[in-house]
Amino acid sequence: MYVCMCYGVTDKAIIQAVEKHGAGNLRELREVMDIGSQCGKCISMAQQVIDSTIIDESLFREVC
C-alpha cells in the first residue's frame, strides 16, 4: 500500500529500509528515502510501519 503519495513510497519500501538500513525512526528513514517532507500526511503511518517492523523483527529474533 502507498504510505506517501507525494513520493510514491510504499509500506514494503519502508519495511525494506528498516531491515536493510536499520531505519528506526522517521529521521533515519528520511536519510534513506524521500518521505514526509512534502505535505506531511504520511508521517504517522510511516512511523507505524517502522514500529511494527521493528516489533516483528525483535520477536522473531527472540524465538530463534
Protein backbone atom coordinates (compact mmCIF):
# COMPACT_ATOMS: atom_id res chain seq x y z
CA MET A 1 0.00 0.00 0.00
CA TYR A 2 1.12 3.54 -0.63
CA VAL A 3 2.10 5.39 2.52
CA CYS A 4 3.44 8.56 0.89
CA MET A 5 1.57 9.61 -2.23
CA CYS A 6 3.81 12.64 -2.81
CA TYR A 7 6.91 10.49 -3.35
CA GLY A 8 5.27 7.16 -4.16
CA VAL A 9 6.66 5.33 -1.11
CA THR A 10 5.04 2.03 -0.19
CA ASP A 11 4.91 0.16 3.08
CA LYS A 12 7.15 -2.51 1.53
CA ALA A 13 9.80 0.11 0.75
CA ILE A 14 9.70 1.33 4.36
CA ILE A 15 9.97 -2.24 5.68
CA GLN A 16 12.95 -2.83 3.41
CA ALA A 17 14.62 0.38 4.67
CA VAL A 18 14.14 -0.76 8.26
CA GLU A 19 15.51 -4.23 7.57
CA LYS A 20 18.44 -3.29 5.32
CA HIS A 21 19.42 0.15 6.58
CA GLY A 22 18.32 -0.06 10.21
CA ALA A 23 15.99 2.92 10.00
CA GLY A 24 14.33 3.04 13.41
CA ASN A 25 12.54 6.36 13.21
CA LEU A 26 11.36 8.89 10.67
CA ARG A 27 14.59 10.89 10.77
CA GLU A 28 16.64 7.82 9.88
CA LEU A 29 14.10 6.83 7.22
CA ARG A 30 14.47 10.25 5.58
CA GLU A 31 18.21 9.61 5.25
CA VAL A 32 17.40 6.59 3.09
CA MET A 33 14.42 7.90 1.06
CA ASP A 34 12.27 10.93 0.36
CA ILE A 35 9.22 10.79 2.59
CA GLY A 36 7.15 13.16 4.70
CA SER A 37 8.66 16.43 3.55
CA GLN A 38 6.00 17.48 1.05
CA CYS A 39 2.51 17.53 2.62
CA GLY A 40 3.32 15.53 5.80
CA LYS A 41 0.16 13.44 5.83
CA CYS A 42 2.16 10.20 5.72
CA ILE A 43 4.30 10.78 8.79
CA SER A 44 2.15 8.93 11.34
CA MET A 45 1.54 5.97 9.02
CA ALA A 46 5.24 5.73 8.15
CA GLN A 47 6.13 5.65 11.86
CA GLN A 48 3.54 2.92 12.45
CA VAL A 49 5.10 0.80 9.69
CA ILE A 50 8.56 1.34 11.20
CA ASP A 51 7.34 0.42 14.69
CA SER A 52 5.51 -2.72 13.59
CA THR A 53 8.51 -3.87 11.56
CA ILE A 54 10.86 -3.39 14.50
CA ILE A 55 8.49 -5.27 16.82
CA ASP A 56 8.10 -8.13 14.33
CA GLU A 57 11.87 -8.41 13.86
CA SER A 58 12.62 -8.36 17.60
CA LEU A 59 10.02 -11.05 18.31
CA PHE A 60 11.41 -13.20 15.52
CA ARG A 61 14.96 -12.89 16.87
CA GLU A 62 13.86 -13.94 20.36
CA VAL A 63 12.29 -17.12 19.01
CA CYS A 64 15.36 -18.14 17.03
